[in-house]
Amino acid sequence: MIGRRVKEIRMQKKLSLSQLAERAEIAKSYLSNLERDICINPTIDVVEKLAKALKVHPAVLLSWEIKELGSGMGDSFSCIKSHISTLDSLQLKELRDSIDIVVWKREKVPLSDLGNLI
């Protein structure tokens, strides 16, 4: 789970819970719940904030293997495919829901404006 990885890296970097929460700009109570696996599904935004605050790649927090990635789309799809094969049914449903949101945004927001949402 991501909470265990966050706590492990936080401890390695000798950061207190308060320090990491402040650096990541998230509530200390939320971070505590995340580390104790009470909250188990942080948003992508939270994962990115924690990764930035801990100075690691988000994949490290998700316990994904980081392989040398090329710059082509084929490499991206291969990476995605390898991760999808490890997901359980609940995680697959969450992924489908996330994709539905992206598709919905694409239909509601002109593609030229998508860069401003990120």
N, C-alpha and C. Protein backbone atom coordinates (compact mmCIF):
# COMPACT_ATOMS: atom_id res chain seq x y z
N MET A 1 0.82 -1.18 0.00
CA MET A 1 0.00 0.00 0.00
C MET A 1 0.87 1.25 0.00
N ILE A 2 0.32 2.31 -0.53
CA ILE A 2 1.09 3.55 -0.66
C ILE A 2 1.46 4.14 0.69
N GLY A 3 0.61 3.99 1.68
CA GLY A 3 0.88 4.57 2.99
C GLY A 3 2.16 4.05 3.61
N ARG A 4 2.38 2.76 3.49
CA ARG A 4 3.60 2.17 4.05
C ARG A 4 4.84 2.71 3.35
N ARG A 5 4.74 2.88 2.01
CA ARG A 5 5.88 3.41 1.25
C ARG A 5 6.15 4.86 1.64
N VAL A 6 5.09 5.65 1.78
CA VAL A 6 5.26 7.06 2.16
C VAL A 6 5.96 7.13 3.52
N LYS A 7 5.48 6.35 4.48
CA LYS A 7 6.07 6.38 5.82
C LYS A 7 7.52 5.92 5.78
N GLU A 8 7.79 4.87 5.04
CA GLU A 8 9.15 4.33 4.94
C GLU A 8 10.11 5.39 4.38
N ILE A 9 9.71 6.05 3.31
CA ILE A 9 10.57 7.06 2.68
C ILE A 9 10.68 8.29 3.58
N ARG A 10 9.57 8.67 4.22
CA ARG A 10 9.60 9.81 5.14
C ARG A 10 10.58 9.55 6.27
N MET A 11 10.56 8.35 6.82
CA MET A 11 11.47 8.00 7.91
C MET A 11 12.93 7.98 7.43
N GLN A 12 13.16 7.43 6.23
CA GLN A 12 14.51 7.42 5.66
C GLN A 12 15.06 8.83 5.51
N LYS A 13 14.19 9.76 5.16
CA LYS A 13 14.60 11.14 4.94
C LYS A 13 14.56 11.97 6.23
N LYS A 14 14.25 11.27 7.35
CA LYS A 14 14.21 11.89 8.66
C LYS A 14 13.28 13.11 8.72
N LEU A 15 12.10 12.93 8.14
CA LEU A 15 11.08 13.98 8.17
C LEU A 15 9.99 13.59 9.16
N SER A 16 9.50 14.57 9.89
CA SER A 16 8.36 14.31 10.76
C SER A 16 7.09 14.31 9.91
N LEU A 17 6.03 13.81 10.49
CA LEU A 17 4.73 13.82 9.82
C LEU A 17 4.34 15.26 9.49
N SER A 18 4.54 16.15 10.45
CA SER A 18 4.21 17.57 10.24
C SER A 18 5.02 18.19 9.12
N GLN A 19 6.31 17.89 9.08
CA GLN A 19 7.17 18.45 8.04
C GLN A 19 6.73 18.01 6.65
N LEU A 20 6.45 16.71 6.50
CA LEU A 20 6.03 16.21 5.20
C LEU A 20 4.67 16.79 4.81
N ALA A 21 3.75 16.84 5.76
CA ALA A 21 2.42 17.40 5.46
C ALA A 21 2.54 18.85 5.00
N GLU A 22 3.41 19.61 5.65
CA GLU A 22 3.60 21.00 5.27
C GLU A 22 4.23 21.11 3.88
N ARG A 23 5.27 20.32 3.63
CA ARG A 23 5.94 20.35 2.32
C ARG A 23 5.00 19.94 1.19
N ALA A 24 4.15 18.95 1.47
CA ALA A 24 3.23 18.44 0.45
C ALA A 24 1.95 19.26 0.35
N GLU A 25 1.77 20.17 1.30
CA GLU A 25 0.57 21.00 1.35
C GLU A 25 -0.70 20.15 1.46
N ILE A 26 -0.64 19.18 2.37
CA ILE A 26 -1.81 18.36 2.68
C ILE A 26 -1.99 18.36 4.20
N ALA A 27 -3.16 18.02 4.65
CA ALA A 27 -3.45 18.01 6.08
C ALA A 27 -2.65 16.90 6.79
N LYS A 28 -2.12 17.24 7.95
CA LYS A 28 -1.36 16.27 8.74
C LYS A 28 -2.23 15.06 9.08
N SER A 29 -3.49 15.31 9.42
CA SER A 29 -4.39 14.20 9.77
C SER A 29 -4.61 13.27 8.58
N TYR A 30 -4.72 13.85 7.38
CA TYR A 30 -4.90 13.02 6.19
C TYR A 30 -3.64 12.17 5.95
N LEU A 31 -2.47 12.79 6.09
CA LEU A 31 -1.22 12.06 5.90
C LEU A 31 -1.10 10.92 6.92
N SER A 32 -1.47 11.20 8.16
CA SER A 32 -1.44 10.17 9.19
C SER A 32 -2.36 9.00 8.82
N ASN A 33 -3.57 9.32 8.38
CA ASN A 33 -4.52 8.27 7.97
C ASN A 33 -4.00 7.50 6.76
N LEU A 34 -3.32 8.18 5.87
CA LEU A 34 -2.75 7.52 4.69
C LEU A 34 -1.66 6.55 5.11
N GLU A 35 -0.77 7.00 5.98
CA GLU A 35 0.33 6.14 6.44
C GLU A 35 -0.16 4.94 7.23
N ARG A 36 -1.29 5.07 7.89
CA ARG A 36 -1.84 3.96 8.69
C ARG A 36 -2.83 3.12 7.88
N ASP A 37 -2.87 3.37 6.58
CA ASP A 37 -3.75 2.64 5.66
C ASP A 37 -5.23 2.76 6.02
N ILE A 38 -5.60 3.87 6.64
CA ILE A 38 -7.01 4.16 6.87
C ILE A 38 -7.58 4.74 5.59
N CYS A 39 -6.83 5.65 4.99
CA CYS A 39 -7.16 6.17 3.65
C CYS A 39 -6.28 5.39 2.68
N ILE A 40 -6.88 4.67 1.76
CA ILE A 40 -6.07 3.80 0.89
C ILE A 40 -6.10 4.20 -0.58
N ASN A 41 -6.89 5.21 -0.93
CA ASN A 41 -7.00 5.61 -2.33
C ASN A 41 -6.76 7.11 -2.50
N PRO A 42 -5.51 7.56 -2.33
CA PRO A 42 -5.26 8.98 -2.51
C PRO A 42 -5.44 9.37 -3.97
N THR A 43 -5.77 10.62 -4.20
CA THR A 43 -5.91 11.09 -5.58
C THR A 43 -4.53 11.21 -6.22
N ILE A 44 -4.53 11.32 -7.53
CA ILE A 44 -3.27 11.50 -8.26
C ILE A 44 -2.59 12.77 -7.78
N ASP A 45 -3.37 13.80 -7.51
CA ASP A 45 -2.82 15.07 -7.04
C ASP A 45 -2.06 14.87 -5.73
N VAL A 46 -2.62 14.11 -4.81
CA VAL A 46 -1.97 13.86 -3.52
C VAL A 46 -0.69 13.05 -3.73
N VAL A 47 -0.74 12.03 -4.57
CA VAL A 47 0.45 11.23 -4.85
C VAL A 47 1.56 12.11 -5.43
N GLU A 48 1.20 12.98 -6.35
CA GLU A 48 2.20 13.87 -6.95
C GLU A 48 2.77 14.85 -5.92
N LYS A 49 1.93 15.40 -5.06
CA LYS A 49 2.40 16.32 -4.02
C LYS A 49 3.37 15.61 -3.06
N LEU A 50 3.01 14.39 -2.66
CA LEU A 50 3.88 13.63 -1.76
C LEU A 50 5.20 13.28 -2.43
N ALA A 51 5.12 12.86 -3.68
CA ALA A 51 6.34 12.50 -4.41
C ALA A 51 7.26 13.71 -4.52
N LYS A 52 6.70 14.85 -4.86
CA LYS A 52 7.49 16.07 -4.98
C LYS A 52 8.11 16.44 -3.63
N ALA A 53 7.33 16.37 -2.57
CA ALA A 53 7.82 16.71 -1.24
C ALA A 53 8.92 15.76 -0.77
N LEU A 54 8.80 14.49 -1.17
CA LEU A 54 9.80 13.48 -0.79
C LEU A 54 10.95 13.39 -1.80
N LYS A 55 10.82 14.12 -2.91
CA LYS A 55 11.82 14.15 -3.97
C LYS A 55 12.06 12.76 -4.56
N VAL A 56 10.92 12.09 -4.86
CA VAL A 56 10.96 10.79 -5.53
C VAL A 56 9.96 10.80 -6.67
N HIS A 57 10.08 9.86 -7.57
CA HIS A 57 9.12 9.71 -8.66
C HIS A 57 7.83 9.12 -8.08
N PRO A 58 6.66 9.57 -8.55
CA PRO A 58 5.40 9.00 -8.04
C PRO A 58 5.35 7.47 -8.11
N ALA A 59 5.98 6.89 -9.11
CA ALA A 59 5.99 5.43 -9.24
C ALA A 59 6.64 4.76 -8.03
N VAL A 60 7.58 5.43 -7.40
CA VAL A 60 8.23 4.88 -6.21
C VAL A 60 7.21 4.73 -5.08
N LEU A 61 6.35 5.73 -4.93
CA LEU A 61 5.33 5.66 -3.88
C LEU A 61 4.30 4.57 -4.16
N LEU A 62 4.07 4.32 -5.43
CA LEU A 62 3.09 3.31 -5.82
C LEU A 62 3.70 1.91 -5.88
N SER A 63 5.00 1.82 -5.54
CA SER A 63 5.75 0.56 -5.56
C SER A 63 5.81 -0.07 -6.94
N TRP A 64 5.76 0.78 -7.96
CA TRP A 64 5.92 0.29 -9.32
C TRP A 64 7.40 0.20 -9.62
N GLU A 65 7.78 -0.77 -10.40
CA GLU A 65 9.17 -0.85 -10.84
C GLU A 65 9.40 0.25 -11.86
N ILE A 66 10.50 0.95 -11.69
CA ILE A 66 10.84 1.98 -12.67
C ILE A 66 11.84 1.37 -13.63
N LYS A 67 11.41 1.21 -14.84
CA LYS A 67 12.26 0.68 -15.89
C LYS A 67 12.67 1.84 -16.78
N GLU A 68 13.72 1.63 -17.50
CA GLU A 68 14.16 2.68 -18.41
C GLU A 68 13.07 2.86 -19.45
N LEU A 69 12.51 4.04 -19.49
CA LEU A 69 11.43 4.33 -20.42
C LEU A 69 11.95 5.12 -21.61
N GLY A 70 11.52 4.75 -22.76
CA GLY A 70 11.86 5.51 -23.95
C GLY A 70 10.89 6.65 -24.11
N SER A 71 11.05 7.39 -25.19
CA SER A 71 10.19 8.56 -25.37
C SER A 71 8.99 8.27 -26.26
N GLY A 72 8.89 7.07 -26.81
CA GLY A 72 7.80 6.78 -27.72
C GLY A 72 6.52 6.36 -27.03
N MET A 73 5.41 6.51 -27.74
CA MET A 73 4.11 6.12 -27.21
C MET A 73 4.06 4.62 -26.96
N GLY A 74 4.74 3.84 -27.79
CA GLY A 74 4.75 2.39 -27.60
C GLY A 74 5.27 2.01 -26.23
N ASP A 75 6.32 2.72 -25.79
CA ASP A 75 6.88 2.46 -24.46
C ASP A 75 5.86 2.79 -23.37
N SER A 76 5.14 3.88 -23.54
CA SER A 76 4.13 4.27 -22.56
C SER A 76 3.03 3.22 -22.47
N PHE A 77 2.57 2.75 -23.61
CA PHE A 77 1.52 1.74 -23.61
C PHE A 77 2.01 0.43 -23.00
N SER A 78 3.26 0.07 -23.25
CA SER A 78 3.82 -1.15 -22.65
C SER A 78 3.86 -1.03 -21.14
N CYS A 79 4.25 0.14 -20.67
CA CYS A 79 4.31 0.39 -19.22
C CYS A 79 2.91 0.28 -18.61
N ILE A 80 1.95 0.91 -19.24
CA ILE A 80 0.57 0.87 -18.75
C ILE A 80 0.05 -0.57 -18.76
N LYS A 81 0.30 -1.27 -19.85
CA LYS A 81 -0.17 -2.65 -19.97
C LYS A 81 0.42 -3.53 -18.87
N SER A 82 1.69 -3.35 -18.56
CA SER A 82 2.31 -4.19 -17.53
C SER A 82 1.70 -3.91 -16.15
N HIS A 83 1.32 -2.67 -15.89
CA HIS A 83 0.72 -2.34 -14.61
C HIS A 83 -0.73 -2.80 -14.53
N ILE A 84 -1.45 -2.72 -15.62
CA ILE A 84 -2.85 -3.15 -15.62
C ILE A 84 -2.95 -4.63 -15.28
N SER A 85 -2.00 -5.41 -15.75
CA SER A 85 -2.06 -6.85 -15.51
C SER A 85 -1.91 -7.21 -14.03
N THR A 86 -1.47 -6.27 -13.21
CA THR A 86 -1.29 -6.55 -11.78
C THR A 86 -2.46 -6.07 -10.93
N LEU A 87 -3.44 -5.40 -11.53
CA LEU A 87 -4.55 -4.82 -10.77
C LEU A 87 -5.62 -5.85 -10.43
N ASP A 88 -6.21 -5.70 -9.26
CA ASP A 88 -7.35 -6.55 -8.89
C ASP A 88 -8.63 -5.92 -9.44
N SER A 89 -9.76 -6.55 -9.23
CA SER A 89 -11.01 -6.08 -9.83
C SER A 89 -11.43 -4.71 -9.33
N LEU A 90 -11.22 -4.41 -8.05
CA LEU A 90 -11.56 -3.09 -7.52
C LEU A 90 -10.67 -2.02 -8.16
N GLN A 91 -9.39 -2.30 -8.27
CA GLN A 91 -8.47 -1.34 -8.89
C GLN A 91 -8.81 -1.14 -10.37
N LEU A 92 -9.21 -2.19 -11.05
CA LEU A 92 -9.61 -2.05 -12.46
C LEU A 92 -10.86 -1.17 -12.58
N LYS A 93 -11.81 -1.34 -11.65
CA LYS A 93 -12.99 -0.48 -11.68
C LYS A 93 -12.60 0.97 -11.46
N GLU A 94 -11.71 1.22 -10.51
CA GLU A 94 -11.23 2.59 -10.26
C GLU A 94 -10.54 3.16 -11.50
N LEU A 95 -9.78 2.33 -12.19
CA LEU A 95 -9.12 2.78 -13.42
C LEU A 95 -10.14 3.13 -14.49
N ARG A 96 -11.15 2.28 -14.64
CA ARG A 96 -12.21 2.57 -15.62
C ARG A 96 -12.91 3.88 -15.28
N ASP A 97 -13.19 4.09 -13.99
CA ASP A 97 -13.83 5.33 -13.56
C ASP A 97 -12.95 6.55 -13.87
N SER A 98 -11.66 6.40 -13.65
CA SER A 98 -10.73 7.50 -13.94
C SER A 98 -10.69 7.80 -15.43
N ILE A 99 -10.70 6.77 -16.24
CA ILE A 99 -10.70 6.95 -17.69
C ILE A 99 -11.99 7.63 -18.13
N ASP A 100 -13.11 7.25 -17.51
CA ASP A 100 -14.38 7.90 -17.82
C ASP A 100 -14.33 9.39 -17.55
N ILE A 101 -13.65 9.78 -16.46
CA ILE A 101 -13.52 11.20 -16.13
C ILE A 101 -12.68 11.91 -17.19
N VAL A 102 -11.59 11.30 -17.62
CA VAL A 102 -10.75 11.90 -18.66
C VAL A 102 -11.54 12.07 -19.95
N VAL A 103 -12.29 11.06 -20.33
CA VAL A 103 -13.11 11.14 -21.55
C VAL A 103 -14.16 12.23 -21.40
N TRP A 104 -14.79 12.30 -20.24
CA TRP A 104 -15.79 13.33 -19.99
C TRP A 104 -15.17 14.72 -20.11
N LYS A 105 -14.00 14.92 -19.50
CA LYS A 105 -13.33 16.22 -19.59
C LYS A 105 -13.00 16.56 -21.04
N ARG A 106 -12.55 15.58 -21.79
CA ARG A 106 -12.18 15.81 -23.19
C ARG A 106 -13.40 16.28 -23.98
N GLU A 107 -14.56 15.71 -23.67
CA GLU A 107 -15.79 16.09 -24.38
C GLU A 107 -16.28 17.46 -23.95
N LYS A 108 -16.04 17.84 -22.71
CA LYS A 108 -16.53 19.11 -22.17
C LYS A 108 -15.56 20.27 -22.39
N VAL A 109 -14.27 19.97 -22.47
CA VAL A 109 -13.25 21.01 -22.57
C VAL A 109 -12.51 20.84 -23.90
N PRO A 110 -12.35 21.91 -24.66
CA PRO A 110 -11.59 21.81 -25.91
C PRO A 110 -10.18 21.29 -25.65
N LEU A 111 -9.68 20.44 -26.54
CA LEU A 111 -8.36 19.85 -26.37
C LEU A 111 -7.28 20.91 -26.17
N SER A 112 -7.42 22.05 -26.82
CA SER A 112 -6.42 23.10 -26.68
C SER A 112 -6.35 23.66 -25.27
N ASP A 113 -7.43 23.49 -24.49
CA ASP A 113 -7.45 24.00 -23.12
C ASP A 113 -7.01 22.98 -22.09
N LEU A 114 -6.78 21.72 -22.48
CA LEU A 114 -6.44 20.69 -21.51
C LEU A 114 -5.13 20.97 -20.78
N GLY A 115 -4.17 21.58 -21.47
CA GLY A 115 -2.90 21.90 -20.83
C GLY A 115 -3.06 22.83 -19.64
N ASN A 116 -4.09 23.65 -19.65
CA ASN A 116 -4.32 24.58 -18.55
C ASN A 116 -4.92 23.90 -17.33
N LEU A 117 -5.49 22.70 -17.50
CA LEU A 117 -6.11 21.99 -16.37
C LEU A 117 -5.10 21.23 -15.54
N ILE A 118 -3.96 20.96 -16.10
CA ILE A 118 -2.95 20.12 -15.42
C ILE A 118 -2.07 20.95 -14.54
